[in-house]
């Protein structure tokens, strides 16, 4: 593959359009990486975010075998804090 400085986007786009194969044609040709034509300028591979600390997360569990007057506050709290919860019966 040519160096990044030698890459001409206009030529690559013209060749891609002339082939009339589209993205499916690229896949069927057996490519193993995304062609530079489809990459946004100035972006390389994204680097992973820095690992600062371990985040411990527990999914709230709500037992529906208890009376509704006891389970409703638990459901409400789980929905507010987490957005979802594990239901047991």
PDB file of N, CA and C in Angstrom:
ATOM      1  N   UNK A   1       0.848  -1.183   0.000  1.00  0.00           N
ATOM      2  CA  UNK A   1       0.000   0.000   0.000  1.00  0.00           C
ATOM      3  C   UNK A   1       0.883   1.232   0.000  1.00  0.00           C
ATOM      4  N   UNK A   2       0.435   2.277  -0.618  1.00  0.00           N
ATOM      5  CA  UNK A   2       1.215   3.513  -0.702  1.00  0.00           C
ATOM      6  C   UNK A   2       1.246   4.207   0.645  1.00  0.00           C
ATOM      7  N   UNK A   3       2.224   5.061   0.801  1.00  0.00           N
ATOM      8  CA  UNK A   3       2.328   5.833   2.039  1.00  0.00           C
ATOM      9  C   UNK A   3       1.151   6.787   2.138  1.00  0.00           C
ATOM     10  N   UNK A   4       0.842   7.215   3.346  1.00  0.00           N
ATOM     11  CA  UNK A   4      -0.309   8.092   3.568  1.00  0.00           C
ATOM     12  C   UNK A   4      -0.168   9.407   2.811  1.00  0.00           C
ATOM     13  N   UNK A   5       1.075   9.906   2.644  1.00  0.00           N
ATOM     14  CA  UNK A   5       1.287  11.166   1.931  1.00  0.00           C
ATOM     15  C   UNK A   5       1.003  11.029   0.438  1.00  0.00           C
ATOM     16  N   UNK A   6       1.165   9.816  -0.109  1.00  0.00           N
ATOM     17  CA  UNK A   6       0.980   9.596  -1.531  1.00  0.00           C
ATOM     18  C   UNK A   6      -0.471   9.249  -1.880  1.00  0.00           C
ATOM     19  N   UNK A   7      -1.324   9.107  -0.908  1.00  0.00           N
ATOM     20  CA  UNK A   7      -2.701   8.682  -1.140  1.00  0.00           C
ATOM     21  C   UNK A   7      -3.524   9.837  -1.689  1.00  0.00           C
ATOM     22  N   UNK A   8      -4.194   9.588  -2.799  1.00  0.00           N
ATOM     23  CA  UNK A   8      -5.039  10.602  -3.437  1.00  0.00           C
ATOM     24  C   UNK A   8      -6.498  10.172  -3.296  1.00  0.00           C
ATOM     25  N   UNK A   9      -7.232  10.867  -2.465  1.00  0.00           N
ATOM     26  CA  UNK A   9      -8.620  10.516  -2.189  1.00  0.00           C
ATOM     27  C   UNK A   9      -9.484  10.615  -3.438  1.00  0.00           C
ATOM     28  N   UNK A  10      -9.263  11.631  -4.258  1.00  0.00           N
ATOM     29  CA  UNK A  10     -10.071  11.812  -5.466  1.00  0.00           C
ATOM     30  C   UNK A  10      -9.889  10.641  -6.425  1.00  0.00           C
ATOM     31  N   UNK A  11      -8.655  10.184  -6.586  1.00  0.00           N
ATOM     32  CA  UNK A  11      -8.388   9.046  -7.474  1.00  0.00           C
ATOM     33  C   UNK A  11      -9.024   7.783  -6.904  1.00  0.00           C
ATOM     34  N   UNK A  12      -8.881   7.574  -5.603  1.00  0.00           N
ATOM     35  CA  UNK A  12      -9.451   6.388  -4.973  1.00  0.00           C
ATOM     36  C   UNK A  12     -10.970   6.384  -5.086  1.00  0.00           C
ATOM     37  N   UNK A  13     -11.591   7.543  -4.917  1.00  0.00           N
ATOM     38  CA  UNK A  13     -13.041   7.641  -5.040  1.00  0.00           C
ATOM     39  C   UNK A  13     -13.480   7.357  -6.472  1.00  0.00           C
ATOM     40  N   UNK A  14     -12.746   7.883  -7.444  1.00  0.00           N
ATOM     41  CA  UNK A  14     -13.080   7.633  -8.854  1.00  0.00           C
ATOM     42  C   UNK A  14     -12.965   6.145  -9.181  1.00  0.00           C
ATOM     43  N   UNK A  15     -11.916   5.496  -8.671  1.00  0.00           N
ATOM     44  CA  UNK A  15     -11.742   4.056  -8.909  1.00  0.00           C
ATOM     45  C   UNK A  15     -12.863   3.258  -8.240  1.00  0.00           C
ATOM     46  N   UNK A  16     -13.232   3.652  -7.031  1.00  0.00           N
ATOM     47  CA  UNK A  16     -14.297   2.954  -6.306  1.00  0.00           C
ATOM     48  C   UNK A  16     -15.621   3.079  -7.054  1.00  0.00           C
ATOM     49  N   UNK A  17     -15.928   4.291  -7.546  1.00  0.00           N
ATOM     50  CA  UNK A  17     -17.176   4.499  -8.270  1.00  0.00           C
ATOM     51  C   UNK A  17     -17.156   3.805  -9.627  1.00  0.00           C
ATOM     52  N   UNK A  18     -15.995   3.753 -10.276  1.00  0.00           N
ATOM     53  CA  UNK A  18     -15.897   3.105 -11.583  1.00  0.00           C
ATOM     54  C   UNK A  18     -16.100   1.596 -11.466  1.00  0.00           C
ATOM     55  N   UNK A  19     -15.692   1.024 -10.357  1.00  0.00           N
ATOM     56  CA  UNK A  19     -15.836  -0.419 -10.169  1.00  0.00           C
ATOM     57  C   UNK A  19     -17.304  -0.820 -10.042  1.00  0.00           C
ATOM     58  N   UNK A  20     -18.142   0.071  -9.569  1.00  0.00           N
ATOM     59  CA  UNK A  20     -19.574  -0.161  -9.395  1.00  0.00           C
ATOM     60  C   UNK A  20     -19.873  -1.427  -8.587  1.00  0.00           C
ATOM     61  N   UNK A  21     -18.970  -1.801  -7.709  1.00  0.00           N
ATOM     62  CA  UNK A  21     -19.181  -2.987  -6.890  1.00  0.00           C
ATOM     63  C   UNK A  21     -19.657  -2.608  -5.494  1.00  0.00           C
ATOM     64  N   UNK A  22     -19.400  -1.378  -5.085  1.00  0.00           N
ATOM     65  CA  UNK A  22     -19.828  -0.923  -3.772  1.00  0.00           C
ATOM     66  C   UNK A  22     -19.062  -1.592  -2.646  1.00  0.00           C
ATOM     67  N   UNK A  23     -19.580  -1.422  -1.467  1.00  0.00           N
ATOM     68  CA  UNK A  23     -18.934  -1.991  -0.286  1.00  0.00           C
ATOM     69  C   UNK A  23     -18.982  -3.514  -0.344  1.00  0.00           C
ATOM     70  N   UNK A  24     -20.050  -4.051  -0.893  1.00  0.00           N
ATOM     71  CA  UNK A  24     -20.146  -5.507  -1.014  1.00  0.00           C
ATOM     72  C   UNK A  24     -18.995  -6.046  -1.863  1.00  0.00           C
ATOM     73  N   UNK A  25     -18.664  -5.334  -2.930  1.00  0.00           N
ATOM     74  CA  UNK A  25     -17.539  -5.744  -3.764  1.00  0.00           C
ATOM     75  C   UNK A  25     -16.228  -5.713  -3.002  1.00  0.00           C
ATOM     76  N   UNK A  26     -16.067  -4.715  -2.126  1.00  0.00           N
ATOM     77  CA  UNK A  26     -14.861  -4.664  -1.300  1.00  0.00           C
ATOM     78  C   UNK A  26     -14.781  -5.879  -0.388  1.00  0.00           C
ATOM     79  N   UNK A  27     -15.889  -6.216   0.237  1.00  0.00           N
ATOM     80  CA  UNK A  27     -15.912  -7.360   1.148  1.00  0.00           C
ATOM     81  C   UNK A  27     -15.623  -8.647   0.387  1.00  0.00           C
ATOM     82  N   UNK A  28     -16.245  -8.805  -0.770  1.00  0.00           N
ATOM     83  CA  UNK A  28     -16.040 -10.017  -1.558  1.00  0.00           C
ATOM     84  C   UNK A  28     -14.621 -10.117  -2.103  1.00  0.00           C
ATOM     85  N   UNK A  29     -13.929  -8.985  -2.226  1.00  0.00           N
ATOM     86  CA  UNK A  29     -12.551  -9.027  -2.717  1.00  0.00           C
ATOM     87  C   UNK A  29     -11.592  -9.516  -1.642  1.00  0.00           C
ATOM     88  N   UNK A  30     -12.066  -9.598  -0.402  1.00  0.00           N
ATOM     89  CA  UNK A  30     -11.243 -10.148   0.670  1.00  0.00           C
ATOM     90  C   UNK A  30     -10.387  -9.129   1.396  1.00  0.00           C
ATOM     91  N   UNK A  31     -10.799  -7.880   1.433  1.00  0.00           N
ATOM     92  CA  UNK A  31      -9.999  -6.876   2.131  1.00  0.00           C
ATOM     93  C   UNK A  31      -9.908  -7.234   3.609  1.00  0.00           C
ATOM     94  N   UNK A  32      -8.807  -6.840   4.234  1.00  0.00           N
ATOM     95  CA  UNK A  32      -8.606  -7.148   5.651  1.00  0.00           C
ATOM     96  C   UNK A  32      -8.551  -5.897   6.508  1.00  0.00           C
ATOM     97  N   UNK A  33      -8.597  -4.729   5.891  1.00  0.00           N
ATOM     98  CA  UNK A  33      -8.614  -3.483   6.656  1.00  0.00           C
ATOM     99  C   UNK A  33      -9.470  -2.466   5.905  1.00  0.00           C
ATOM    100  N   UNK A  34      -9.897  -1.455   6.611  1.00  0.00           N
ATOM    101  CA  UNK A  34     -10.742  -0.419   6.019  1.00  0.00           C
ATOM    102  C   UNK A  34      -9.888   0.442   5.091  1.00  0.00           C
ATOM    103  N   UNK A  35     -10.298   0.596   3.827  1.00  0.00           N
ATOM    104  CA  UNK A  35      -9.530   1.437   2.911  1.00  0.00           C
ATOM    105  C   UNK A  35      -9.494   2.886   3.397  1.00  0.00           C
ATOM    106  N   UNK A  36      -8.405   3.600   3.152  1.00  0.00           N
ATOM    107  CA  UNK A  36      -8.282   4.993   3.598  1.00  0.00           C
ATOM    108  C   UNK A  36      -9.393   5.894   3.072  1.00  0.00           C
ATOM    109  N   UNK A  37     -10.001   5.522   1.961  1.00  0.00           N
ATOM    110  CA  UNK A  37     -11.098   6.305   1.395  1.00  0.00           C
ATOM    111  C   UNK A  37     -12.241   6.453   2.394  1.00  0.00           C
ATOM    112  N   UNK A  38     -12.436   5.452   3.243  1.00  0.00           N
ATOM    113  CA  UNK A  38     -13.559   5.448   4.173  1.00  0.00           C
ATOM    114  C   UNK A  38     -13.190   5.951   5.567  1.00  0.00           C
ATOM    115  N   UNK A  39     -11.970   6.398   5.757  1.00  0.00           N
ATOM    116  CA  UNK A  39     -11.542   6.929   7.047  1.00  0.00           C
ATOM    117  C   UNK A  39     -11.652   8.446   7.040  1.00  0.00           C
ATOM    118  N   UNK A  40     -12.092   9.000   8.137  1.00  0.00           N
ATOM    119  CA  UNK A  40     -12.174  10.455   8.257  1.00  0.00           C
ATOM    120  C   UNK A  40     -10.764  11.022   8.287  1.00  0.00           C
ATOM    121  N   UNK A  41     -10.528  12.151   7.633  1.00  0.00           N
ATOM    122  CA  UNK A  41      -9.183  12.719   7.616  1.00  0.00           C
ATOM    123  C   UNK A  41      -8.713  13.092   9.021  1.00  0.00           C
ATOM    124  N   UNK A  42      -7.462  12.812   9.272  1.00  0.00           N
ATOM    125  CA  UNK A  42      -6.854  13.185  10.544  1.00  0.00           C
ATOM    126  C   UNK A  42      -7.174  12.245  11.684  1.00  0.00           C
ATOM    127  N   UNK A  43      -7.888  11.161  11.409  1.00  0.00           N
ATOM    128  CA  UNK A  43      -8.175  10.218  12.480  1.00  0.00           C
ATOM    129  C   UNK A  43      -7.430   8.929  12.237  1.00  0.00           C
ATOM    130  N   UNK A  44      -6.762   8.485  13.240  1.00  0.00           N
ATOM    131  CA  UNK A  44      -6.117   7.183  13.192  1.00  0.00           C
ATOM    132  C   UNK A  44      -6.988   6.206  13.951  1.00  0.00           C
ATOM    133  N   UNK A  45      -6.390   5.128  14.392  1.00  0.00           N
ATOM    134  CA  UNK A  45      -7.164   4.212  15.212  1.00  0.00           C
ATOM    135  C   UNK A  45      -7.418   4.844  16.566  1.00  0.00           C
ATOM    136  N   UNK A  46      -8.597   4.663  17.066  1.00  0.00           N
ATOM    137  CA  UNK A  46      -8.884   5.258  18.370  1.00  0.00           C
ATOM    138  C   UNK A  46      -8.079   4.570  19.461  1.00  0.00           C
ATOM    139  N   UNK A  47      -7.557   5.353  20.360  1.00  0.00           N
ATOM    140  CA  UNK A  47      -6.814   4.762  21.464  1.00  0.00           C
ATOM    141  C   UNK A  47      -7.784   4.478  22.600  1.00  0.00           C
ATOM    142  N   UNK A  48      -7.545   3.399  23.313  1.00  0.00           N
ATOM    143  CA  UNK A  48      -8.457   3.087  24.408  1.00  0.00           C
ATOM    144  C   UNK A  48      -8.357   4.146  25.498  1.00  0.00           C
ATOM    145  N   UNK A  49      -9.431   4.364  26.207  1.00  0.00           N
ATOM    146  CA  UNK A  49      -9.380   5.362  27.281  1.00  0.00           C
ATOM    147  C   UNK A  49      -8.410   4.916  28.367  1.00  0.00           C
ATOM    148  N   UNK A  50      -7.799   5.850  29.044  1.00  0.00           N
ATOM    149  CA  UNK A  50      -6.855   5.463  30.090  1.00  0.00           C
ATOM    150  C   UNK A  50      -7.581   4.735  31.216  1.00  0.00           C
ATOM    151  N   UNK A  51      -6.939   3.705  31.713  1.00  0.00           N
ATOM    152  CA  UNK A  51      -7.518   2.909  32.788  1.00  0.00           C
ATOM    153  C   UNK A  51      -7.171   3.566  34.105  1.00  0.00           C
ATOM    154  N   UNK A  52      -8.155   4.121  34.753  1.00  0.00           N
ATOM    155  CA  UNK A  52      -7.900   4.845  35.988  1.00  0.00           C
ATOM    156  C   UNK A  52      -8.140   3.984  37.213  1.00  0.00           C
ATOM    157  N   UNK A  53      -9.283   3.383  37.297  1.00  0.00           N
ATOM    158  CA  UNK A  53      -9.578   2.549  38.448  1.00  0.00           C
ATOM    159  C   UNK A  53     -10.645   1.541  38.059  1.00  0.00           C
ATOM    160  N   UNK A  54     -10.743   0.515  38.842  1.00  0.00           N
ATOM    161  CA  UNK A  54     -11.739  -0.508  38.592  1.00  0.00           C
ATOM    162  C   UNK A  54     -13.098  -0.004  39.069  1.00  0.00           C
ATOM    163  N   UNK A  55     -14.082  -0.148  38.210  1.00  0.00           N
ATOM    164  CA  UNK A  55     -15.428   0.285  38.563  1.00  0.00           C
ATOM    165  C   UNK A  55     -16.232  -0.955  38.934  1.00  0.00           C
ATOM    166  N   UNK A  56     -16.685  -0.993  40.150  1.00  0.00           N
ATOM    167  CA  UNK A  56     -17.505  -2.107  40.602  1.00  0.00           C
ATOM    168  C   UNK A  56     -18.965  -1.720  40.451  1.00  0.00           C
ATOM    169  N   UNK A  57     -19.704  -2.568  39.794  1.00  0.00           N
ATOM    170  CA  UNK A  57     -21.100  -2.279  39.518  1.00  0.00           C
ATOM    171  C   UNK A  57     -21.915  -3.510  39.859  1.00  0.00           C
ATOM    172  N   UNK A  58     -22.955  -3.340  40.612  1.00  0.00           N
ATOM    173  CA  UNK A  58     -23.848  -4.447  40.926  1.00  0.00           C
ATOM    174  C   UNK A  58     -25.233  -4.122  40.393  1.00  0.00           C
ATOM    175  N   UNK A  59     -25.872  -5.127  39.865  1.00  0.00           N
ATOM    176  CA  UNK A  59     -27.226  -4.966  39.346  1.00  0.00           C
ATOM    177  C   UNK A  59     -28.188  -5.195  40.502  1.00  0.00           C
ATOM    178  N   UNK A  60     -29.069  -4.244  40.758  1.00  0.00           N
ATOM    179  CA  UNK A  60     -30.019  -4.418  41.856  1.00  0.00           C
ATOM    180  C   UNK A  60     -30.939  -5.610  41.603  1.00  0.00           C
ATOM    181  N   UNK A  61     -31.280  -6.310  42.664  1.00  0.00           N
ATOM    182  CA  UNK A  61     -32.174  -7.454  42.577  1.00  0.00           C
ATOM    183  C   UNK A  61     -33.435  -7.149  43.374  1.00  0.00           C
ATOM    184  N   UNK A  62     -34.585  -7.425  42.779  1.00  0.00           N
ATOM    185  CA  UNK A  62     -35.862  -7.166  43.435  1.00  0.00           C
ATOM    186  C   UNK A  62     -36.628  -8.480  43.523  1.00  0.00           C
ATOM    187  N   UNK A  63     -37.013  -8.855  44.724  1.00  0.00           N
ATOM    188  CA  UNK A  63     -37.769 -10.083  44.955  1.00  0.00           C
ATOM    189  C   UNK A  63     -39.254  -9.753  44.916  1.00  0.00           C
ATOM    190  N   UNK A  64     -39.957 -10.317  43.939  1.00  0.00           N
ATOM    191  CA  UNK A  64     -41.387 -10.043  43.796  1.00  0.00           C
ATOM    192  C   UNK A  64     -42.243 -10.947  44.677  1.00  0.00           C
ATOM    193  N   UNK A  65     -41.613 -11.824  45.465  1.00  0.00           N
ATOM    194  CA  UNK A  65     -42.367 -12.679  46.376  1.00  0.00           C
ATOM    195  C   UNK A  65     -42.820 -11.904  47.610  1.00  0.00           C
ATOM    196  N   UNK A  66     -42.195 -10.775  47.865  1.00  0.00           N
ATOM    197  CA  UNK A  66     -42.592  -9.957  49.017  1.00  0.00           C
ATOM    198  C   UNK A  66     -43.822  -9.135  48.640  1.00  0.00           C
ATOM    199  N   UNK A  67     -44.544  -8.640  49.618  1.00  0.00           N
ATOM    200  CA  UNK A  67     -45.739  -7.837  49.304  1.00  0.00           C
ATOM    201  C   UNK A  67     -45.386  -6.608  48.459  1.00  0.00           C
ATOM    202  N   UNK A  68     -46.307  -6.193  47.594  1.00  0.00           N
ATOM    203  CA  UNK A  68     -46.051  -5.035  46.726  1.00  0.00           C
ATOM    204  C   UNK A  68     -45.670  -3.772  47.488  1.00  0.00           C
ATOM    205  N   UNK A  69     -46.205  -3.615  48.682  1.00  0.00           N
ATOM    206  CA  UNK A  69     -45.856  -2.409  49.445  1.00  0.00           C
ATOM    207  C   UNK A  69     -44.373  -2.383  49.801  1.00  0.00           C
ATOM    208  N   UNK A  70     -43.738  -3.557  49.869  1.00  0.00           N
ATOM    209  CA  UNK A  70     -42.302  -3.624  50.155  1.00  0.00           C
ATOM    210  C   UNK A  70     -41.466  -3.594  48.880  1.00  0.00           C
ATOM    211  N   UNK A  71     -42.000  -4.185  47.803  1.00  0.00           N
ATOM    212  CA  UNK A  71     -41.202  -4.288  46.580  1.00  0.00           C
ATOM    213  C   UNK A  71     -41.246  -3.022  45.731  1.00  0.00           C
ATOM    214  N   UNK A  72     -42.336  -2.267  45.780  1.00  0.00           N
ATOM    215  CA  UNK A  72     -42.434  -1.063  44.950  1.00  0.00           C
ATOM    216  C   UNK A  72     -41.347  -0.038  45.245  1.00  0.00           C
ATOM    217  N   UNK A  73     -41.029   0.253  46.503  1.00  0.00           N
ATOM    218  CA  UNK A  73     -39.919   1.186  46.739  1.00  0.00           C
ATOM    219  C   UNK A  73     -38.577   0.659  46.221  1.00  0.00           C
ATOM    220  N   UNK A  74     -38.387  -0.660  46.304  1.00  0.00           N
ATOM    221  CA  UNK A  74     -37.144  -1.250  45.781  1.00  0.00           C
ATOM    222  C   UNK A  74     -37.075  -1.116  44.262  1.00  0.00           C
ATOM    223  N   UNK A  75     -38.198  -1.371  43.599  1.00  0.00           N
ATOM    224  CA  UNK A  75     -38.249  -1.241  42.135  1.00  0.00           C
ATOM    225  C   UNK A  75     -37.995   0.205  41.731  1.00  0.00           C
ATOM    226  N   UNK A  76     -38.632   1.124  42.435  1.00  0.00           N
ATOM    227  CA  UNK A  76     -38.468   2.546  42.133  1.00  0.00           C
ATOM    228  C   UNK A  76     -37.007   2.970  42.303  1.00  0.00           C
ATOM    229  N   UNK A  77     -36.385   2.553  43.394  1.00  0.00           N
ATOM    230  CA  UNK A  77     -34.984   2.914  43.649  1.00  0.00           C
ATOM    231  C   UNK A  77     -34.058   2.294  42.608  1.00  0.00           C
ATOM    232  N   UNK A  78     -34.327   1.040  42.236  1.00  0.00           N
ATOM    233  CA  UNK A  78     -33.486   0.375  41.237  1.00  0.00           C
ATOM    234  C   UNK A  78     -33.623   1.048  39.877  1.00  0.00           C
ATOM    235  N   UNK A  79     -34.840   1.432  39.527  1.00  0.00           N
ATOM    236  CA  UNK A  79     -35.061   2.088  38.236  1.00  0.00           C
ATOM    237  C   UNK A  79     -34.403   3.462  38.195  1.00  0.00           C
ATOM    238  N   UNK A  80     -34.416   4.171  39.311  1.00  0.00           N
ATOM    239  CA  UNK A  80     -33.794   5.500  39.345  1.00  0.00           C
ATOM    240  C   UNK A  80     -32.276   5.417  39.319  1.00  0.00           C
ATOM    241  N   UNK A  81     -31.721   4.496  40.072  1.00  0.00           N
ATOM    242  CA  UNK A  81     -30.260   4.452  40.202  1.00  0.00           C
ATOM    243  C   UNK A  81     -29.585   3.772  39.028  1.00  0.00           C
ATOM    244  N   UNK A  82     -30.234   2.770  38.470  1.00  0.00           N
ATOM    245  CA  UNK A  82     -29.554   1.944  37.479  1.00  0.00           C
ATOM    246  C   UNK A  82     -30.280   1.906  36.139  1.00  0.00           C
ATOM    247  N   UNK A  83     -31.583   2.031  36.167  1.00  0.00           N
ATOM    248  CA  UNK A  83     -32.352   1.948  34.934  1.00  0.00           C
ATOM    249  C   UNK A  83     -32.885   0.557  34.665  1.00  0.00           C
ATOM    250  N   UNK A  84     -32.336  -0.441  35.340  1.00  0.00           N
ATOM    251  CA  UNK A  84     -32.815  -1.809  35.189  1.00  0.00           C
ATOM    252  C   UNK A  84     -32.499  -2.565  36.464  1.00  0.00           C
ATOM    253  N   UNK A  85     -33.084  -3.765  36.583  1.00  0.00           N
ATOM    254  CA  UNK A  85     -32.872  -4.558  37.786  1.00  0.00           C
ATOM    255  C   UNK A  85     -33.173  -6.013  37.478  1.00  0.00           C
ATOM    256  N   UNK A  86     -32.708  -6.900  38.334  1.00  0.00           N
ATOM    257  CA  UNK A  86     -32.917  -8.330  38.197  1.00  0.00           C
ATOM    258  C   UNK A  86     -34.129  -8.704  39.032  1.00  0.00           C
ATOM    259  N   UNK A  87     -35.088  -9.395  38.434  1.00  0.00           N
ATOM    260  CA  UNK A  87     -36.311  -9.772  39.131  1.00  0.00           C
ATOM    261  C   UNK A  87     -36.207 -11.225  39.567  1.00  0.00           C
ATOM    262  N   UNK A  88     -36.484 -11.473  40.838  1.00  0.00           N
ATOM    263  CA  UNK A  88     -36.570 -12.843  41.353  1.00  0.00           C
ATOM    264  C   UNK A  88     -37.957 -13.033  41.932  1.00  0.00           C
ATOM    265  N   UNK A  89     -38.362 -14.282  42.053  1.00  0.00           N
ATOM    266  CA  UNK A  89     -39.687 -14.562  42.579  1.00  0.00           C
ATOM    267  C   UNK A  89     -39.589 -15.651  43.607  1.00  0.00           C
TER     268      UNK A  89
END
